[in-house]
Protein backbone atom coordinates (compact mmCIF):
# COMPACT_ATOMS: atom_id res chain seq x y z
CA MET A 1 -4.93 61.02 -190.04
CA LEU A 2 -2.13 60.03 -192.46
CA PHE A 3 -3.05 56.38 -192.39
CA THR A 4 -6.87 56.78 -192.61
CA ILE A 5 -6.89 59.29 -195.44
CA GLY A 6 -7.18 56.52 -198.03
CA GLY A 7 -10.43 55.29 -196.44
CA ILE A 8 -11.74 58.83 -196.09
CA ALA A 9 -10.99 59.48 -199.77
CA VAL A 10 -12.67 56.38 -201.14
CA HIS A 11 -15.72 56.99 -198.93
CA PHE A 12 -15.91 60.50 -200.31
CA ILE A 13 -16.01 58.99 -203.79
CA SER A 14 -18.83 56.56 -202.98
CA VAL A 15 -20.92 59.14 -201.04
CA THR A 16 -20.55 62.34 -203.06
CA GLY A 17 -19.71 60.97 -206.52
CA ILE A 18 -17.38 63.98 -206.93
CA THR A 19 -14.52 61.97 -208.37
CA SER A 20 -12.61 65.06 -209.49
CA PHE A 21 -12.44 66.33 -205.89
CA SER A 22 -12.14 63.08 -203.96
CA ALA A 23 -9.12 61.94 -205.96
CA TYR A 24 -7.31 64.95 -204.54
CA VAL A 25 -8.50 64.56 -200.94
CA PRO A 26 -5.10 63.22 -199.79
CA THR A 27 -3.39 66.24 -201.36
CA PHE A 28 -4.92 68.67 -198.87
CA LEU A 29 -3.54 66.71 -195.96
CA PHE A 30 -0.11 66.10 -197.43
CA ALA A 31 0.33 69.76 -198.40
CA GLY A 32 -0.15 70.59 -194.75
CA THR A 33 2.18 67.82 -193.53
CA PHE A 34 4.96 69.09 -195.77
CA ILE A 35 4.72 72.67 -194.46
CA GLY A 36 4.20 71.52 -190.88
CA ALA A 37 7.19 69.19 -190.87
CA VAL A 38 9.52 72.03 -191.94
CA THR A 39 8.12 74.88 -189.86
CA LEU A 40 7.28 73.15 -186.58
CA SER A 41 10.43 71.00 -186.50
CA SER A 42 12.54 74.11 -187.12
CA LEU A 43 10.51 75.94 -184.47
CA ALA A 44 11.41 73.16 -182.04
CA ASP A 45 15.08 74.15 -182.30
CA ASN A 46 14.15 77.70 -181.15
CA ILE A 47 11.35 77.33 -178.59
CA GLY A 48 12.02 73.80 -177.35
CA ARG A 49 10.82 70.29 -178.04
CA ARG A 50 7.94 70.30 -175.54
CA ASP A 51 6.35 73.53 -176.67
CA ALA A 52 6.54 72.52 -180.32
CA PHE A 53 5.02 69.18 -179.34
CA VAL A 54 2.05 70.98 -177.81
CA ILE A 55 1.56 73.28 -180.82
CA ASP A 56 1.62 70.50 -183.37
CA ILE A 57 -1.03 68.33 -181.65
CA ALA A 58 -3.21 71.45 -181.11
CA LEU A 59 -3.16 72.11 -184.88
CA LEU A 60 -4.06 68.51 -185.60
CA VAL A 61 -7.07 68.75 -183.29
CA ILE A 62 -8.25 72.12 -184.69
CA GLY A 63 -7.95 70.95 -188.30
CA ALA A 64 -9.71 67.63 -187.69
CA LEU A 65 -12.53 69.50 -185.91
CA ILE A 66 -12.95 71.89 -188.86
CA ALA A 67 -13.09 68.95 -191.30
CA PHE A 68 -15.60 67.18 -189.05
CA LEU A 69 -17.90 70.24 -189.00
CA ALA A 70 -17.36 71.15 -192.69
CA THR A 71 -20.49 71.88 -194.73
CA ASN A 72 -18.77 71.89 -198.12
CA ALA A 73 -15.75 70.47 -199.92
CA TYR A 74 -13.63 73.61 -199.57
CA ILE A 75 -13.96 73.83 -195.78
CA PHE A 76 -13.36 70.10 -195.58
CA GLY A 77 -10.13 70.48 -197.56
CA ALA A 78 -9.05 73.45 -195.45
CA GLY A 79 -9.57 71.41 -192.26
CA LEU A 80 -7.44 68.56 -193.64
CA PHE A 81 -4.71 71.05 -194.55
CA ILE A 82 -4.61 72.53 -191.01
CA SER A 83 -4.66 69.06 -189.48
CA GLY A 84 -1.77 68.17 -191.76
CA LEU A 85 0.30 71.05 -190.36
CA GLY A 86 0.28 69.30 -187.00
CA THR A 87 0.46 65.75 -188.35
CA GLY A 88 3.59 66.49 -190.44
CA ALA A 89 5.77 67.30 -187.41
CA GLU A 90 4.67 64.35 -185.26
CA ILE A 91 7.28 61.79 -186.28
CA PRO A 92 10.36 64.07 -186.39
CA LEU A 93 9.41 65.75 -183.12
CA SER A 94 8.61 62.55 -181.27
CA SER A 95 11.71 60.81 -182.66
CA THR A 96 13.94 63.74 -181.70
CA TYR A 97 12.46 63.96 -178.20
CA ALA A 98 12.72 60.19 -177.62
CA GLN A 99 16.31 59.96 -178.77
CA GLU A 100 17.49 62.99 -176.80
CA LEU A 101 16.17 61.37 -173.62
CA SER A 102 17.73 57.97 -174.32
CA PRO A 103 21.23 56.45 -173.91
CA SER A 104 22.95 55.28 -177.06
CA SER A 105 22.37 51.57 -176.24
CA LYS A 106 18.62 52.15 -175.93
CA ARG A 107 18.15 54.96 -178.47
CA ALA A 108 16.83 52.84 -181.33
CA THR A 109 14.55 50.76 -179.11
CA THR A 110 13.05 53.79 -177.37
CA ASN A 111 12.43 55.53 -180.67
CA LEU A 112 10.89 52.35 -182.07
CA ILE A 113 8.45 52.11 -179.15
CA VAL A 114 7.28 55.64 -179.85
CA LEU A 115 6.89 54.94 -183.57
CA THR A 116 5.07 51.66 -182.95
CA LEU A 117 2.50 53.36 -180.79
CA GLY A 118 2.01 55.97 -183.45
CA PHE A 119 1.68 53.40 -186.24
CA LEU A 120 -0.86 51.52 -184.16
CA GLY A 121 -3.18 54.43 -184.96
CA GLY A 122 -2.98 53.46 -188.62
CA THR A 123 -4.25 49.96 -187.92
CA VAL A 124 -7.01 51.27 -185.61
CA GLY A 125 -7.92 53.86 -188.25
CA GLY A 126 -8.27 51.23 -190.99
CA PHE A 127 -10.74 49.23 -188.93
CA ALA A 128 -12.53 52.41 -187.82
CA ASP A 129 -13.16 53.09 -191.53
CA LEU A 130 -14.46 49.56 -191.97
CA PHE A 131 -16.84 49.44 -189.01
CA LEU A 132 -18.05 53.03 -188.96
CA ILE A 133 -18.79 53.60 -192.66
CA PRO A 134 -21.78 51.17 -192.78
CA LEU A 135 -23.46 53.15 -189.97
CA TYR A 136 -24.53 56.18 -191.97
CA SER A 137 -23.76 58.04 -195.21
CA THR A 138 -21.21 60.49 -193.82
CA ALA A 139 -19.45 58.11 -191.40
CA TYR A 140 -16.05 59.46 -192.44
CA ARG A 141 -16.86 62.30 -190.05
CA LEU A 142 -16.75 59.82 -187.17
CA VAL A 143 -13.18 58.90 -188.13
CA LEU A 144 -12.32 62.59 -187.94
CA LEU A 145 -14.06 62.87 -184.56
CA ILE A 146 -11.87 60.06 -183.23
CA ALA A 147 -8.83 62.10 -184.27
CA VAL A 148 -10.23 65.15 -182.43
CA VAL A 149 -10.85 63.27 -179.19
CA GLY A 150 -7.56 61.32 -179.29
CA GLY A 151 -5.57 64.47 -180.10
CA ALA A 152 -7.20 66.45 -177.27
CA LEU A 153 -6.29 63.76 -174.74
CA THR A 154 -2.73 63.66 -176.05
CA LEU A 155 -2.52 67.46 -175.76
CA LEU A 156 -3.30 67.27 -172.03
CA ILE A 157 -0.53 64.70 -171.50
CA ARG A 158 2.06 66.75 -173.39
CA LEU A 159 1.53 69.80 -171.20
CA TYR A 160 3.21 67.85 -168.39
CA LEU A 161 6.25 66.63 -170.34
CA PRO A 162 9.73 67.87 -169.25
CA GLU A 163 11.88 69.77 -171.76
CA SER A 164 14.74 67.92 -173.43
CA PRO A 165 17.92 68.50 -171.34
CA ARG A 166 20.04 68.20 -174.48
CA TRP A 167 18.08 71.04 -176.12
CA LEU A 168 18.38 73.18 -173.01
CA GLU A 169 22.12 72.58 -172.77
CA SER A 170 22.66 73.30 -176.49
CA HIS A 171 21.08 76.71 -175.88
CA GLY A 172 23.24 77.48 -172.86
CA LEU A 173 20.41 76.98 -170.37
CA ASN A 174 22.52 74.82 -168.10
CA GLU A 175 20.57 75.41 -164.86
CA LYS A 176 17.28 74.46 -166.52
CA ALA A 177 19.00 71.46 -168.06
CA GLU A 178 20.18 70.34 -164.61
CA ARG A 179 16.67 70.72 -163.22
CA ALA A 180 15.22 68.74 -166.13
CA ILE A 181 17.78 65.99 -165.63
CA SER A 182 17.08 65.87 -161.90
CA LEU A 183 13.35 65.60 -162.55
CA ILE A 184 13.83 62.76 -164.98
CA GLU A 185 16.33 60.98 -162.72
CA ASN A 186 14.06 61.26 -159.68
CA ARG A 187 11.11 59.84 -161.63
CA THR A 188 13.29 57.00 -162.90
CA MET A 189 14.63 56.09 -159.47
CA ARG A 190 11.13 56.13 -157.96
CA SER A 191 9.71 53.94 -160.70
CA LEU A 192 12.62 51.43 -160.45
CA GLY A 193 12.97 51.58 -156.68
CA LEU A 194 16.59 52.77 -156.85
CA SER A 195 18.52 55.19 -154.64
CA THR A 196 21.17 55.99 -157.28
CA LEU A 197 21.68 55.71 -161.04
CA PRO A 198 24.77 54.62 -163.02
CA GLN A 199 27.15 57.41 -164.01
CA PRO A 200 26.74 58.58 -167.61
CA PRO A 201 29.62 58.03 -170.07
CA ASN A 202 32.35 60.65 -170.04
CA VAL A 203 31.77 62.59 -173.26
CA LYS A 204 32.37 66.20 -174.19
CA GLU A 205 29.54 68.66 -173.85
CA PRO A 206 27.71 69.36 -177.15
CA ILE A 207 28.75 72.44 -179.08
CA THR A 208 26.37 75.35 -178.44
CA ASN A 209 26.87 77.35 -181.64
CA LYS A 210 23.78 78.45 -183.55
CA TRP A 211 23.53 76.78 -186.91
CA ASN A 212 22.35 78.00 -190.27
CA VAL A 213 20.44 75.44 -192.28
CA LYS A 214 23.05 75.81 -195.06
CA GLN A 215 25.51 73.99 -192.79
CA LEU A 216 23.51 70.84 -193.26
CA PHE A 217 25.46 70.54 -196.50
CA LYS A 218 28.89 71.35 -195.08
CA GLY A 219 31.59 68.91 -194.02
CA ILE A 220 30.47 65.49 -192.76
CA TYR A 221 26.81 66.53 -192.88
CA LYS A 222 26.57 66.88 -196.66
CA ARG A 223 26.55 63.16 -197.30
CA ARG A 224 24.26 62.49 -194.33
CA THR A 225 21.78 65.09 -195.44
CA LEU A 226 21.75 63.95 -199.06
CA SER A 227 21.15 60.34 -198.04
CA ALA A 228 18.31 61.17 -195.62
CA TRP A 229 16.63 63.65 -197.96
CA LEU A 230 16.65 61.34 -200.99
CA ILE A 231 15.40 58.31 -199.07
CA GLU A 232 12.68 60.32 -197.33
CA PHE A 233 11.39 61.81 -200.55
CA PHE A 234 11.24 58.60 -202.52
CA GLN A 235 9.89 56.45 -199.70
CA GLY A 236 7.19 59.07 -199.07
CA PHE A 237 6.31 59.18 -202.77
CA GLY A 238 6.16 55.38 -202.86
CA PHE A 239 4.33 54.65 -199.66
CA TYR A 240 1.76 57.44 -199.58
CA GLY A 241 1.07 57.09 -203.28
CA PHE A 242 0.51 53.38 -202.71
CA ALA A 243 -1.40 53.49 -199.41
CA ALA A 244 -3.64 56.41 -200.31
CA PHE A 245 -4.98 54.57 -203.35
CA VAL A 246 -5.18 50.96 -202.12
CA PRO A 247 -8.91 51.25 -201.24
CA SER A 248 -9.64 53.01 -204.53
CA PHE A 249 -7.54 50.44 -206.43
CA LEU A 250 -9.57 47.57 -204.92
CA TYR A 251 -12.79 49.50 -205.60
CA ALA A 252 -11.73 49.94 -209.24
CA LEU A 253 -11.14 46.18 -209.56
CA GLY A 254 -14.83 45.69 -208.86
CA TYR A 255 -14.86 44.98 -205.15
CA PRO A 256 -17.81 46.61 -203.27
CA ILE A 257 -16.91 49.54 -201.02
CA VAL A 258 -17.25 47.49 -197.83
CA LYS A 259 -15.02 44.72 -199.13
CA ALA A 260 -12.47 47.23 -200.44
CA LEU A 261 -12.30 48.76 -196.95
CA LEU A 262 -12.14 45.32 -195.32
CA TYR A 263 -9.17 44.28 -197.46
CA SER A 264 -7.51 47.67 -196.84
CA ALA A 265 -8.02 47.26 -193.10
CA ILE A 266 -6.41 43.82 -193.21
CA ILE A 267 -3.44 45.27 -195.10
CA GLN A 268 -3.17 48.04 -192.48
CA VAL A 269 -2.63 45.46 -189.74
CA SER A 270 0.93 45.54 -191.09
CA TYR A 271 1.30 49.07 -189.61
CA ILE A 272 1.68 47.58 -186.17
CA ILE A 273 3.22 44.20 -187.10
CA GLY A 274 6.07 45.82 -189.05
CA PRO A 275 7.43 47.88 -186.15
CA LEU A 276 6.99 44.90 -183.79
CA ILE A 277 9.17 42.78 -186.06
CA SER A 278 11.69 45.62 -186.10
CA PHE A 279 12.37 45.14 -182.40
CA SER A 280 14.19 41.92 -183.26
CA TYR A 281 16.85 43.63 -185.41
CA VAL A 282 16.84 47.38 -184.89
CA ASN A 283 19.80 47.24 -182.43
CA ARG A 284 21.55 44.39 -184.23
CA ILE A 285 21.99 45.70 -187.76
CA SER A 286 23.18 49.02 -189.06
CA ARG A 287 20.57 51.49 -190.29
CA LYS A 288 22.46 51.69 -193.58
CA SER A 289 22.48 47.97 -194.51
CA GLY A 290 19.00 47.40 -193.08
CA MET A 291 17.43 50.10 -195.27
CA ALA A 292 19.28 48.90 -198.37
CA VAL A 293 17.98 45.34 -198.05
CA LEU A 294 14.43 46.07 -196.86
CA TYR A 295 13.69 48.69 -199.51
CA LEU A 296 14.81 46.24 -202.18
CA VAL A 297 12.45 43.55 -200.89
CA ASN A 298 9.78 46.29 -200.64
CA THR A 299 10.13 46.85 -204.38
CA LEU A 300 9.52 43.16 -205.12
CA ALA A 301 6.44 43.02 -202.89
CA GLY A 302 4.96 46.07 -204.62
CA ILE A 303 5.43 44.41 -208.01
CA GLY A 304 3.69 41.28 -206.65
CA PHE A 305 0.73 43.38 -205.58
CA LEU A 306 0.43 44.95 -209.02
CA LEU A 307 0.68 41.63 -210.88
CA SER A 308 -1.94 40.11 -208.60
CA GLY A 309 -4.38 42.78 -209.73
CA ILE A 310 -3.44 42.77 -213.43
CA PHE A 311 -3.70 38.98 -213.78
CA LYS A 312 -6.76 38.80 -211.49
CA LEU A 313 -5.23 36.30 -209.10
CA GLY A 314 -7.98 36.93 -206.60
CA ALA A 315 -8.45 38.75 -203.32
CA PHE A 316 -6.12 36.41 -201.38
CA PHE A 317 -3.01 37.29 -203.39
CA ILE A 318 -3.93 40.97 -203.68
CA VAL A 319 -4.29 41.25 -199.91
CA LEU A 320 -1.20 39.11 -199.30
CA PHE A 321 1.10 41.22 -201.49
CA GLY A 322 -0.55 44.45 -200.33
CA PHE A 323 0.09 43.34 -196.72
CA LEU A 324 3.71 42.43 -197.43
CA THR A 325 4.29 45.72 -199.25
CA GLU A 326 3.10 47.87 -196.39
CA LEU A 327 4.64 45.52 -193.80
CA LEU A 328 8.06 46.18 -195.33
CA VAL A 329 7.41 49.93 -195.35
CA PHE A 330 6.89 49.72 -191.60
CA MET A 331 9.95 47.57 -191.15
CA ASP A 332 12.32 49.87 -192.99
CA GLY A 333 10.58 53.12 -191.92
CA PRO A 334 11.72 52.94 -188.27
CA LEU A 335 15.34 52.58 -189.38
CA LEU A 336 15.01 55.70 -191.53
CA HIS A 337 13.30 57.77 -188.80
CA ILE A 338 15.98 56.80 -186.28
CA TYR A 339 18.74 57.53 -188.76
CA GLU A 340 17.58 60.99 -189.79
CA VAL A 341 17.52 62.15 -186.17
CA GLU A 342 20.84 60.76 -184.94
CA ILE A 343 22.93 62.15 -187.84
CA TYR A 344 22.54 65.78 -186.61
CA PRO A 345 23.72 67.67 -183.49
CA ALA A 346 21.23 68.86 -180.84
CA TYR A 347 21.00 72.51 -181.81
CA VAL A 348 19.86 71.68 -185.35
CA ARG A 349 18.43 68.21 -184.76
CA GLY A 350 14.82 69.38 -184.92
CA SER A 351 15.39 71.37 -188.11
CA GLY A 352 17.58 68.73 -189.75
CA SER A 353 15.27 65.80 -189.08
CA GLY A 354 12.16 67.89 -189.71
CA ILE A 355 13.26 69.15 -193.10
CA SER A 356 14.37 65.64 -194.00
CA PHE A 357 11.06 64.21 -192.91
CA SER A 358 9.12 66.94 -194.74
CA LEU A 359 10.47 65.59 -198.02
CA SER A 360 8.50 62.38 -197.40
CA ARG A 361 5.45 64.63 -197.07
CA LEU A 362 6.42 66.39 -200.29
CA GLY A 363 6.53 63.00 -201.92
CA GLY A 364 3.25 62.16 -200.26
CA PHE A 365 1.80 65.40 -201.59
CA LEU A 366 2.98 64.83 -205.15
CA ALA A 367 2.01 61.13 -205.33
CA PRO A 368 -1.75 61.64 -204.74
CA LEU A 369 -1.69 64.75 -206.93
CA ILE A 370 -0.13 62.87 -209.83
CA GLY A 371 -2.12 59.72 -209.04
CA GLY A 372 -5.38 61.65 -208.90
CA THR A 373 -4.64 63.17 -212.29
CA LEU A 374 -3.87 59.73 -213.73
CA LEU A 375 -7.13 58.36 -212.37
CA ILE A 376 -9.13 61.14 -213.98
CA LEU A 377 -7.33 60.87 -217.30
CA GLY A 378 -6.66 57.15 -217.47
CA GLY A 379 -9.35 55.53 -215.37
CA LYS A 380 -8.45 52.09 -214.03
CA SER A 381 -5.16 51.99 -215.92
CA GLY A 382 -4.00 54.94 -213.84
CA TYR A 383 -3.62 52.68 -210.81
CA VAL A 384 -1.03 50.61 -212.66
CA TYR A 385 1.25 53.61 -213.05
CA VAL A 386 0.81 54.61 -209.43
CA VAL A 387 1.97 51.19 -208.17
CA VAL A 388 4.85 51.04 -210.71
CA TRP A 389 6.09 54.44 -209.56
CA ALA A 390 5.92 53.29 -205.97
CA ALA A 391 8.05 50.24 -206.71
CA VAL A 392 10.64 52.33 -208.58
CA ALA A 393 10.75 54.80 -205.71
CA TRP A 394 11.54 52.05 -203.18
CA LEU A 395 14.27 50.75 -205.47
CA ILE A 396 15.86 54.21 -205.50
CA CYS A 397 15.70 54.21 -201.69
CA SER A 398 17.64 50.93 -201.57
CA ILE A 399 20.34 52.23 -203.89
CA VAL A 400 20.76 55.46 -201.94
CA ALA A 401 20.94 53.65 -198.61
CA ALA A 402 23.62 51.28 -199.94
CA THR A 403 25.77 54.00 -201.52
CA LEU A 404 25.26 57.28 -199.57
CA ALA A 405 24.00 56.53 -196.07
CA VAL A 406 26.53 56.41 -193.17
CA SER A 407 26.80 53.96 -190.30
CA THR A 408 25.51 55.24 -186.92
CA LYS A 409 25.04 52.02 -184.97
CA LYS A 410 25.94 52.12 -181.22
CA GLU A 411 27.45 55.60 -181.36
CA SER A 412 26.30 58.24 -178.82
CA LEU A 413 24.65 61.35 -180.15
CA GLU A 414 27.57 63.42 -178.91
CA VAL A 415 30.09 61.22 -180.73
CA LEU A 416 28.09 61.44 -183.96
CA GLU A 417 28.31 65.26 -183.77
CA LYS A 418 32.08 65.15 -184.29
């Protein structure tokens, strides 16, 4: 949903002609993602990772179904908002769950696999927009139907997931934690044909105190929280402001709707290529230095995209720099999502990473809102400001990563809690 909203928005423009509404289409979704990221991720610290996982995908399905069946703009917007509630918690919940079930040496790789599979949906969604829209006038509904079917299938799978042993242990449910561990170990031994598994490292048990969110700003966690929150907000503002308006930007440059969606779909191939490239370095470099360098290069690519449009360098350079811009987002994004999970202890990991992640949704909410206003007031020139703001936002991310972020490479989650 997050990665297809740009295509849905531009199709709404071309079909309905309601520019004043369609410019704000992404806002409905991002408002929901912001609220969902905070509430459902915090809920996961109280009811468990698995149950929160089930609730968030159920909300996504219900919201997408409402938008699919909507008979007017208001119901359509309400459906996107509800779907956003579930969508917003997907990355923090999946990242938290994946890391809590992984050893420190494999934590980044495991999390990256999960993120890559999720980002693959963005690439598929871009081409779904391209191939489905020529079929009939309201083809954006088919894109929503794909989300409904895919989400329903995912819901069935999640009902059979085991609970995170680390979450169970952090809540004093030691017997259930042992059963969950045994279940996971037995499945692992069967799949690998082993009779025993290596002994885990000898580390102290995680503290089981209940945390108040205010403690995210106490002691060692103050710097960690500030770095994660600032980077999440500005990268969200930059990326979602950029990605949501790429199809509209191309449309405003005079490209027909089908070509605008074609070029956007090509750019969205980066959603899967970026994470795949990340496998080559995610365990070799620190999250801190990686984010600092990649966000800086991201800024330069965004400027290249803008200049290609301003000086009318042609579709090749526009698509090239657009591709590089979003490729870099999906190369530095995995480092950020891994970082914001591993900097917190188990009993607040869902809340900490979820609130952090929600700020990217707040940025994603504000960017289309401001961008939509600029488009209405400034017409084509409004797109220039949107891209400039995106580039500045990525530059801020680079500076924050270099100065505030902490190193977490190769440390176990228990060690990072100290």
